């Protein structure tokens, strides 16, 4: 068996229209009943208000509720979690994949106006069938293929939340400041002593905070980096 990341631009949906605002989104939860749709979506955009107007103004959408809203780490970008309710005018790519017996793994992602799915497949013939099916909705691309099934390649949202929730506020503060001031750039734009002075702590304390937060993140990410290295894509035979 293999896994593949397949993306489709759903031309008749609000997801495709969001490309102009450089939106990245993750469908955290979705459910369908007949033509009714309910979804929970986390999204990040250059212009969140404009992106929300696109979603609210689509013919298939009957309700949008903003559950939370905050500044993203990226400069000038805003993130939000929204609740969406709608009445679908046609089957979606996800519905169609599931109806035809394909198995999406994890949540649907929205990247550059395209809906992206990680699919568990018997082989490349089944991958070809999936792409043919999705072409009914718009342009399709295969972004990644792994030769063997792996349960998890990237951390889940729950795992990220768990590790980030264990990092003390002072460690998060020095990490945010270090990134903002260019501490990790080559060459460095600020020294550890200067970071410590800006935070009003000693260099030793700053060093301890920095080592602990880096240790937490590196120990969390290291297994996923190893998994990714083991499953390098090979798209040449598609």
C-alpha atoms as a PDB file:
ATOM      1  CA  UNK A   1       0.000   0.000   0.000  1.00  0.00           C
ATOM      2  CA  UNK A   2       1.051   3.602  -0.450  1.00  0.00           C
ATOM      3  CA  UNK A   3      -0.011   7.077   0.618  1.00  0.00           C
ATOM      4  CA  UNK A   4      -0.337  10.072  -1.675  1.00  0.00           C
ATOM      5  CA  UNK A   5      -1.064  13.758  -1.244  1.00  0.00           C
ATOM      6  CA  UNK A   6      -3.480  14.783  -3.983  1.00  0.00           C
ATOM      7  CA  UNK A   7      -4.756  18.348  -4.492  1.00  0.00           C
ATOM      8  CA  UNK A   8      -7.696  19.628  -6.540  1.00  0.00           C
ATOM      9  CA  UNK A   9      -8.923  23.131  -7.284  1.00  0.00           C
ATOM     10  CA  UNK A  10     -12.677  22.934  -6.617  1.00  0.00           C
ATOM     11  CA  UNK A  11     -13.720  25.558  -9.144  1.00  0.00           C
ATOM     12  CA  UNK A  12     -17.328  26.075  -7.970  1.00  0.00           C
ATOM     13  CA  UNK A  13     -16.533  26.390  -4.264  1.00  0.00           C
ATOM     14  CA  UNK A  14     -15.434  29.197  -1.954  1.00  0.00           C
ATOM     15  CA  UNK A  15     -12.218  27.284  -1.271  1.00  0.00           C
ATOM     16  CA  UNK A  16     -10.900  28.097  -4.750  1.00  0.00           C
ATOM     17  CA  UNK A  17     -11.867  31.766  -4.420  1.00  0.00           C
ATOM     18  CA  UNK A  18      -9.672  32.177  -1.333  1.00  0.00           C
ATOM     19  CA  UNK A  19      -6.454  31.858  -3.347  1.00  0.00           C
ATOM     20  CA  UNK A  20      -6.305  35.636  -3.834  1.00  0.00           C
ATOM     21  CA  UNK A  21      -5.854  36.097  -0.063  1.00  0.00           C
ATOM     22  CA  UNK A  22      -3.077  33.497   0.300  1.00  0.00           C
ATOM     23  CA  UNK A  23      -5.203  31.407   2.654  1.00  0.00           C
ATOM     24  CA  UNK A  24      -3.978  28.252   4.339  1.00  0.00           C
ATOM     25  CA  UNK A  25      -6.729  26.276   6.082  1.00  0.00           C
ATOM     26  CA  UNK A  26      -7.363  22.951   7.746  1.00  0.00           C
ATOM     27  CA  UNK A  27     -10.808  21.375   7.977  1.00  0.00           C
ATOM     28  CA  UNK A  28     -10.690  20.220  11.593  1.00  0.00           C
ATOM     29  CA  UNK A  29     -14.075  18.487  11.476  1.00  0.00           C
ATOM     30  CA  UNK A  30     -16.719  17.984   8.788  1.00  0.00           C
ATOM     31  CA  UNK A  31     -19.998  16.149   8.560  1.00  0.00           C
ATOM     32  CA  UNK A  32     -22.555  15.708   5.787  1.00  0.00           C
ATOM     33  CA  UNK A  33     -26.197  14.688   5.883  1.00  0.00           C
ATOM     34  CA  UNK A  34     -28.009  14.657   2.587  1.00  0.00           C
ATOM     35  CA  UNK A  35     -27.042  18.056   1.137  1.00  0.00           C
ATOM     36  CA  UNK A  36     -26.392  19.716   4.480  1.00  0.00           C
ATOM     37  CA  UNK A  37     -22.834  20.473   5.564  1.00  0.00           C
ATOM     38  CA  UNK A  38     -21.342  21.455   8.930  1.00  0.00           C
ATOM     39  CA  UNK A  39     -17.632  22.112   9.348  1.00  0.00           C
ATOM     40  CA  UNK A  40     -15.023  23.492  11.729  1.00  0.00           C
ATOM     41  CA  UNK A  41     -12.195  25.222   9.866  1.00  0.00           C
ATOM     42  CA  UNK A  42      -8.909  26.732  11.053  1.00  0.00           C
ATOM     43  CA  UNK A  43      -7.576  29.287   8.595  1.00  0.00           C
ATOM     44  CA  UNK A  44      -4.799  31.846   8.238  1.00  0.00           C
ATOM     45  CA  UNK A  45      -4.822  34.680   5.704  1.00  0.00           C
ATOM     46  CA  UNK A  46      -3.229  37.964   4.686  1.00  0.00           C
ATOM     47  CA  UNK A  47      -6.668  39.608   4.839  1.00  0.00           C
ATOM     48  CA  UNK A  48      -8.891  37.533   7.106  1.00  0.00           C
ATOM     49  CA  UNK A  49     -11.899  39.860   6.897  1.00  0.00           C
ATOM     50  CA  UNK A  50     -11.907  39.659   3.104  1.00  0.00           C
ATOM     51  CA  UNK A  51     -11.532  35.875   3.238  1.00  0.00           C
ATOM     52  CA  UNK A  52     -14.495  35.616   5.613  1.00  0.00           C
ATOM     53  CA  UNK A  53     -16.575  37.769   3.265  1.00  0.00           C
ATOM     54  CA  UNK A  54     -15.840  35.316   0.432  1.00  0.00           C
ATOM     55  CA  UNK A  55     -17.001  32.377   2.549  1.00  0.00           C
ATOM     56  CA  UNK A  56     -20.103  34.153   3.880  1.00  0.00           C
ATOM     57  CA  UNK A  57     -21.059  35.369   0.400  1.00  0.00           C
ATOM     58  CA  UNK A  58     -20.989  31.958  -1.290  1.00  0.00           C
ATOM     59  CA  UNK A  59     -24.355  30.574  -2.385  1.00  0.00           C
ATOM     60  CA  UNK A  60     -23.822  27.260  -0.568  1.00  0.00           C
ATOM     61  CA  UNK A  61     -23.006  28.874   2.811  1.00  0.00           C
ATOM     62  CA  UNK A  62     -25.829  29.739   5.204  1.00  0.00           C
ATOM     63  CA  UNK A  63     -23.884  30.548   8.382  1.00  0.00           C
ATOM     64  CA  UNK A  64     -20.348  31.457   9.470  1.00  0.00           C
ATOM     65  CA  UNK A  65     -19.402  31.912  13.131  1.00  0.00           C
ATOM     66  CA  UNK A  66     -15.953  33.126  14.210  1.00  0.00           C
ATOM     67  CA  UNK A  67     -15.036  31.083  17.276  1.00  0.00           C
ATOM     68  CA  UNK A  68     -11.599  32.578  17.858  1.00  0.00           C
ATOM     69  CA  UNK A  69      -9.305  35.039  16.146  1.00  0.00           C
ATOM     70  CA  UNK A  70      -5.657  35.928  16.774  1.00  0.00           C
ATOM     71  CA  UNK A  71      -2.488  37.229  15.137  1.00  0.00           C
ATOM     72  CA  UNK A  72      -0.508  34.515  13.372  1.00  0.00           C
ATOM     73  CA  UNK A  73       3.238  34.149  13.767  1.00  0.00           C
ATOM     74  CA  UNK A  74       3.746  35.253  10.163  1.00  0.00           C
ATOM     75  CA  UNK A  75       4.040  39.010   9.769  1.00  0.00           C
ATOM     76  CA  UNK A  76       0.766  40.702   8.899  1.00  0.00           C
ATOM     77  CA  UNK A  77      -1.290  37.495   8.870  1.00  0.00           C
ATOM     78  CA  UNK A  78      -4.315  36.668  10.997  1.00  0.00           C
ATOM     79  CA  UNK A  79      -5.601  33.258  12.059  1.00  0.00           C
ATOM     80  CA  UNK A  80      -9.081  32.176  13.019  1.00  0.00           C
ATOM     81  CA  UNK A  81     -11.204  29.135  13.789  1.00  0.00           C
ATOM     82  CA  UNK A  82     -14.655  29.291  12.201  1.00  0.00           C
ATOM     83  CA  UNK A  83     -17.848  27.244  12.222  1.00  0.00           C
ATOM     84  CA  UNK A  84     -19.449  26.867   8.781  1.00  0.00           C
ATOM     85  CA  UNK A  85     -22.933  25.630   7.952  1.00  0.00           C
ATOM     86  CA  UNK A  86     -24.240  25.239   4.423  1.00  0.00           C
ATOM     87  CA  UNK A  87     -26.533  23.561   1.915  1.00  0.00           C
ATOM     88  CA  UNK A  88     -24.448  21.941  -0.819  1.00  0.00           C
ATOM     89  CA  UNK A  89     -25.470  22.283  -4.453  1.00  0.00           C
ATOM     90  CA  UNK A  90     -23.310  19.297  -5.495  1.00  0.00           C
ATOM     91  CA  UNK A  91     -21.152  16.607  -3.964  1.00  0.00           C
ATOM     92  CA  UNK A  92     -17.764  17.845  -2.752  1.00  0.00           C
ATOM     93  CA  UNK A  93     -14.414  16.253  -3.650  1.00  0.00           C
ATOM     94  CA  UNK A  94     -14.212  14.717  -0.164  1.00  0.00           C
ATOM     95  CA  UNK A  95     -17.718  13.273  -0.371  1.00  0.00           C
ATOM     96  CA  UNK A  96     -17.003  11.853  -3.812  1.00  0.00           C
ATOM     97  CA  UNK A  97     -13.757  10.228  -2.731  1.00  0.00           C
ATOM     98  CA  UNK A  98     -15.429   8.587   0.246  1.00  0.00           C
ATOM     99  CA  UNK A  99     -18.481   7.526  -1.772  1.00  0.00           C
ATOM    100  CA  UNK A 100     -16.214   5.823  -4.320  1.00  0.00           C
ATOM    101  CA  UNK A 101     -14.397   3.922  -1.569  1.00  0.00           C
ATOM    102  CA  UNK A 102     -11.187   5.937  -1.184  1.00  0.00           C
ATOM    103  CA  UNK A 103      -9.775   6.439   2.311  1.00  0.00           C
ATOM    104  CA  UNK A 104      -8.596   9.974   3.179  1.00  0.00           C
ATOM    105  CA  UNK A 105      -6.143  10.107   6.096  1.00  0.00           C
ATOM    106  CA  UNK A 106      -6.393  13.008   8.523  1.00  0.00           C
ATOM    107  CA  UNK A 107      -7.940  16.359   7.780  1.00  0.00           C
ATOM    108  CA  UNK A 108      -8.457  18.106   4.435  1.00  0.00           C
ATOM    109  CA  UNK A 109      -6.044  21.011   3.880  1.00  0.00           C
ATOM    110  CA  UNK A 110      -6.590  24.139   1.800  1.00  0.00           C
ATOM    111  CA  UNK A 111      -3.406  25.362   0.056  1.00  0.00           C
ATOM    112  CA  UNK A 112      -3.265  28.002  -2.687  1.00  0.00           C
ATOM    113  CA  UNK A 113      -6.962  27.617  -3.422  1.00  0.00           C
ATOM    114  CA  UNK A 114      -6.698  23.829  -3.675  1.00  0.00           C
ATOM    115  CA  UNK A 115      -8.215  21.172  -1.429  1.00  0.00           C
ATOM    116  CA  UNK A 116      -5.552  18.609  -0.525  1.00  0.00           C
ATOM    117  CA  UNK A 117      -6.050  15.054   0.709  1.00  0.00           C
ATOM    118  CA  UNK A 118      -3.715  12.364   2.006  1.00  0.00           C
ATOM    119  CA  UNK A 119      -5.069   9.094   0.589  1.00  0.00           C
ATOM    120  CA  UNK A 120      -4.348   5.488   1.512  1.00  0.00           C
ATOM    121  CA  UNK A 121      -4.181   3.518  -1.744  1.00  0.00           C
ATOM    122  CA  UNK A 122      -3.593  -0.041  -2.938  1.00  0.00           C
ATOM    123  CA  UNK A 123      -1.204   1.130  -5.639  1.00  0.00           C
ATOM    124  CA  UNK A 124      -0.573   3.558  -8.476  1.00  0.00           C
ATOM    125  CA  UNK A 125      -3.527   2.300 -10.498  1.00  0.00           C
ATOM    126  CA  UNK A 126      -5.855   3.307  -7.682  1.00  0.00           C
ATOM    127  CA  UNK A 127      -4.032   6.650  -7.469  1.00  0.00           C
ATOM    128  CA  UNK A 128      -4.771   7.199 -11.160  1.00  0.00           C
ATOM    129  CA  UNK A 129      -8.449   6.392 -10.509  1.00  0.00           C
ATOM    130  CA  UNK A 130      -8.553   8.967  -7.682  1.00  0.00           C
ATOM    131  CA  UNK A 131      -7.028  11.713  -9.823  1.00  0.00           C
ATOM    132  CA  UNK A 132      -9.448  10.947 -12.666  1.00  0.00           C
ATOM    133  CA  UNK A 133     -12.320  11.233 -10.223  1.00  0.00           C
ATOM    134  CA  UNK A 134     -11.125  14.577  -8.848  1.00  0.00           C
ATOM    135  CA  UNK A 135     -10.656  16.066 -12.324  1.00  0.00           C
ATOM    136  CA  UNK A 136     -14.443  16.411 -12.435  1.00  0.00           C
ATOM    137  CA  UNK A 137     -14.000  19.318 -10.007  1.00  0.00           C
ATOM    138  CA  UNK A 138     -10.951  21.072 -11.484  1.00  0.00           C
ATOM    139  CA  UNK A 139      -7.207  20.859 -12.014  1.00  0.00           C
ATOM    140  CA  UNK A 140      -5.517  18.040 -10.060  1.00  0.00           C
ATOM    141  CA  UNK A 141      -1.917  17.591  -8.952  1.00  0.00           C
ATOM    142  CA  UNK A 142      -0.111  14.809  -7.090  1.00  0.00           C
ATOM    143  CA  UNK A 143       2.166  16.469  -4.539  1.00  0.00           C
ATOM    144  CA  UNK A 144       3.672  13.458  -2.791  1.00  0.00           C
ATOM    145  CA  UNK A 145       3.749   9.673  -3.015  1.00  0.00           C
ATOM    146  CA  UNK A 146       5.248   7.369  -0.393  1.00  0.00           C
ATOM    147  CA  UNK A 147       6.036   3.782  -1.266  1.00  0.00           C
ATOM    148  CA  UNK A 148       4.823   2.397   2.048  1.00  0.00           C
ATOM    149  CA  UNK A 149       2.033   3.336   4.425  1.00  0.00           C
ATOM    150  CA  UNK A 150       3.135   5.315   7.472  1.00  0.00           C
ATOM    151  CA  UNK A 151       0.690   6.011  10.264  1.00  0.00           C
ATOM    152  CA  UNK A 152       1.915   9.549  10.835  1.00  0.00           C
ATOM    153  CA  UNK A 153       4.390  11.703   8.930  1.00  0.00           C
ATOM    154  CA  UNK A 154       3.681  15.067  10.533  1.00  0.00           C
ATOM    155  CA  UNK A 155       2.497  15.921  14.049  1.00  0.00           C
ATOM    156  CA  UNK A 156      -1.242  16.173  14.516  1.00  0.00           C
ATOM    157  CA  UNK A 157      -2.883  19.337  15.845  1.00  0.00           C
ATOM    158  CA  UNK A 158      -3.487  17.576  19.157  1.00  0.00           C
ATOM    159  CA  UNK A 159       0.191  16.599  19.461  1.00  0.00           C
ATOM    160  CA  UNK A 160       1.302  20.152  18.682  1.00  0.00           C
ATOM    161  CA  UNK A 161      -1.108  21.490  21.290  1.00  0.00           C
ATOM    162  CA  UNK A 162       0.198  19.035  23.861  1.00  0.00           C
ATOM    163  CA  UNK A 163       3.865  19.918  23.399  1.00  0.00           C
ATOM    164  CA  UNK A 164       3.267  23.665  23.134  1.00  0.00           C
ATOM    165  CA  UNK A 165       1.098  23.570  26.239  1.00  0.00           C
ATOM    166  CA  UNK A 166       3.993  22.174  28.274  1.00  0.00           C
ATOM    167  CA  UNK A 167       6.423  24.979  27.361  1.00  0.00           C
ATOM    168  CA  UNK A 168       6.468  27.616  30.144  1.00  0.00           C
ATOM    169  CA  UNK A 169       5.552  31.185  29.235  1.00  0.00           C
ATOM    170  CA  UNK A 170       9.074  32.525  29.880  1.00  0.00           C
ATOM    171  CA  UNK A 171      10.544  30.001  27.430  1.00  0.00           C
ATOM    172  CA  UNK A 172       7.929  30.878  24.801  1.00  0.00           C
ATOM    173  CA  UNK A 173       8.705  34.557  25.349  1.00  0.00           C
ATOM    174  CA  UNK A 174      12.439  34.201  24.734  1.00  0.00           C
ATOM    175  CA  UNK A 175      11.801  32.025  21.684  1.00  0.00           C
ATOM    176  CA  UNK A 176       9.414  34.585  20.164  1.00  0.00           C
ATOM    177  CA  UNK A 177      11.867  37.401  20.857  1.00  0.00           C
ATOM    178  CA  UNK A 178      14.808  35.405  19.460  1.00  0.00           C
ATOM    179  CA  UNK A 179      12.966  34.768  16.192  1.00  0.00           C
ATOM    180  CA  UNK A 180      11.812  38.384  15.946  1.00  0.00           C
ATOM    181  CA  UNK A 181      15.280  39.827  16.608  1.00  0.00           C
ATOM    182  CA  UNK A 182      17.113  37.446  14.249  1.00  0.00           C
ATOM    183  CA  UNK A 183      18.915  35.308  16.806  1.00  0.00           C
ATOM    184  CA  UNK A 184      18.625  32.209  14.597  1.00  0.00           C
ATOM    185  CA  UNK A 185      19.729  33.923  11.391  1.00  0.00           C
ATOM    186  CA  UNK A 186      23.184  33.414   9.894  1.00  0.00           C
ATOM    187  CA  UNK A 187      24.961  35.546  10.859  1.00  0.00           C
ATOM    188  CA  UNK A 188      23.076  36.312  14.059  1.00  0.00           C
ATOM    189  CA  UNK A 189      21.544  39.751  14.332  1.00  0.00           C
ATOM    190  CA  UNK A 190      21.440  39.723  18.132  1.00  0.00           C
ATOM    191  CA  UNK A 191      23.436  37.975  20.844  1.00  0.00           C
ATOM    192  CA  UNK A 192      22.116  35.971  23.766  1.00  0.00           C
ATOM    193  CA  UNK A 193      23.398  38.663  26.128  1.00  0.00           C
ATOM    194  CA  UNK A 194      21.398  41.299  24.232  1.00  0.00           C
ATOM    195  CA  UNK A 195      18.283  39.124  24.356  1.00  0.00           C
ATOM    196  CA  UNK A 196      18.748  38.696  28.097  1.00  0.00           C
ATOM    197  CA  UNK A 197      19.146  42.450  28.578  1.00  0.00           C
ATOM    198  CA  UNK A 198      15.998  43.152  26.578  1.00  0.00           C
ATOM    199  CA  UNK A 199      14.052  40.677  28.704  1.00  0.00           C
ATOM    200  CA  UNK A 200      15.534  41.985  31.947  1.00  0.00           C
ATOM    201  CA  UNK A 201      17.150  38.687  32.959  1.00  0.00           C
ATOM    202  CA  UNK A 202      20.704  37.403  33.301  1.00  0.00           C
ATOM    203  CA  UNK A 203      22.529  35.775  30.407  1.00  0.00           C
ATOM    204  CA  UNK A 204      22.671  32.497  32.354  1.00  0.00           C
ATOM    205  CA  UNK A 205      18.903  32.499  32.869  1.00  0.00           C
ATOM    206  CA  UNK A 206      18.355  33.321  29.198  1.00  0.00           C
ATOM    207  CA  UNK A 207      20.669  30.476  28.204  1.00  0.00           C
ATOM    208  CA  UNK A 208      18.757  28.015  30.393  1.00  0.00           C
ATOM    209  CA  UNK A 209      15.411  29.113  28.939  1.00  0.00           C
ATOM    210  CA  UNK A 210      16.740  28.862  25.391  1.00  0.00           C
ATOM    211  CA  UNK A 211      18.266  25.407  25.848  1.00  0.00           C
ATOM    212  CA  UNK A 212      15.118  24.019  27.457  1.00  0.00           C
ATOM    213  CA  UNK A 213      12.718  25.312  24.820  1.00  0.00           C
ATOM    214  CA  UNK A 214      14.980  24.131  21.983  1.00  0.00           C
ATOM    215  CA  UNK A 215      15.282  20.719  23.638  1.00  0.00           C
ATOM    216  CA  UNK A 216      11.491  20.385  23.927  1.00  0.00           C
ATOM    217  CA  UNK A 217      10.883  21.248  20.281  1.00  0.00           C
ATOM    218  CA  UNK A 218      13.785  19.239  18.829  1.00  0.00           C
ATOM    219  CA  UNK A 219      12.937  16.107  20.819  1.00  0.00           C
ATOM    220  CA  UNK A 220       9.337  16.416  19.606  1.00  0.00           C
ATOM    221  CA  UNK A 221      10.240  16.936  15.932  1.00  0.00           C
ATOM    222  CA  UNK A 222      13.177  14.533  15.590  1.00  0.00           C
ATOM    223  CA  UNK A 223      11.092  11.343  15.086  1.00  0.00           C
ATOM    224  CA  UNK A 224       9.003  13.045  12.368  1.00  0.00           C
ATOM    225  CA  UNK A 225      12.125  14.281  10.576  1.00  0.00           C
ATOM    226  CA  UNK A 226      13.404  10.690  10.557  1.00  0.00           C
ATOM    227  CA  UNK A 227      10.078   9.418   9.190  1.00  0.00           C
ATOM    228  CA  UNK A 228      10.091  12.010   6.426  1.00  0.00           C
ATOM    229  CA  UNK A 229      13.630  11.021   5.437  1.00  0.00           C
ATOM    230  CA  UNK A 230      12.615   7.372   5.242  1.00  0.00           C
ATOM    231  CA  UNK A 231       9.669   8.112   2.980  1.00  0.00           C
ATOM    232  CA  UNK A 232      11.176  10.331   0.297  1.00  0.00           C
ATOM    233  CA  UNK A 233       8.773  10.812  -2.579  1.00  0.00           C
ATOM    234  CA  UNK A 234       9.305   9.163  -5.927  1.00  0.00           C
ATOM    235  CA  UNK A 235       6.980  10.708  -8.501  1.00  0.00           C
ATOM    236  CA  UNK A 236       9.022   9.837 -11.554  1.00  0.00           C
ATOM    237  CA  UNK A 237       7.004   6.770 -12.459  1.00  0.00           C
ATOM    238  CA  UNK A 238       3.607   8.513 -12.360  1.00  0.00           C
END
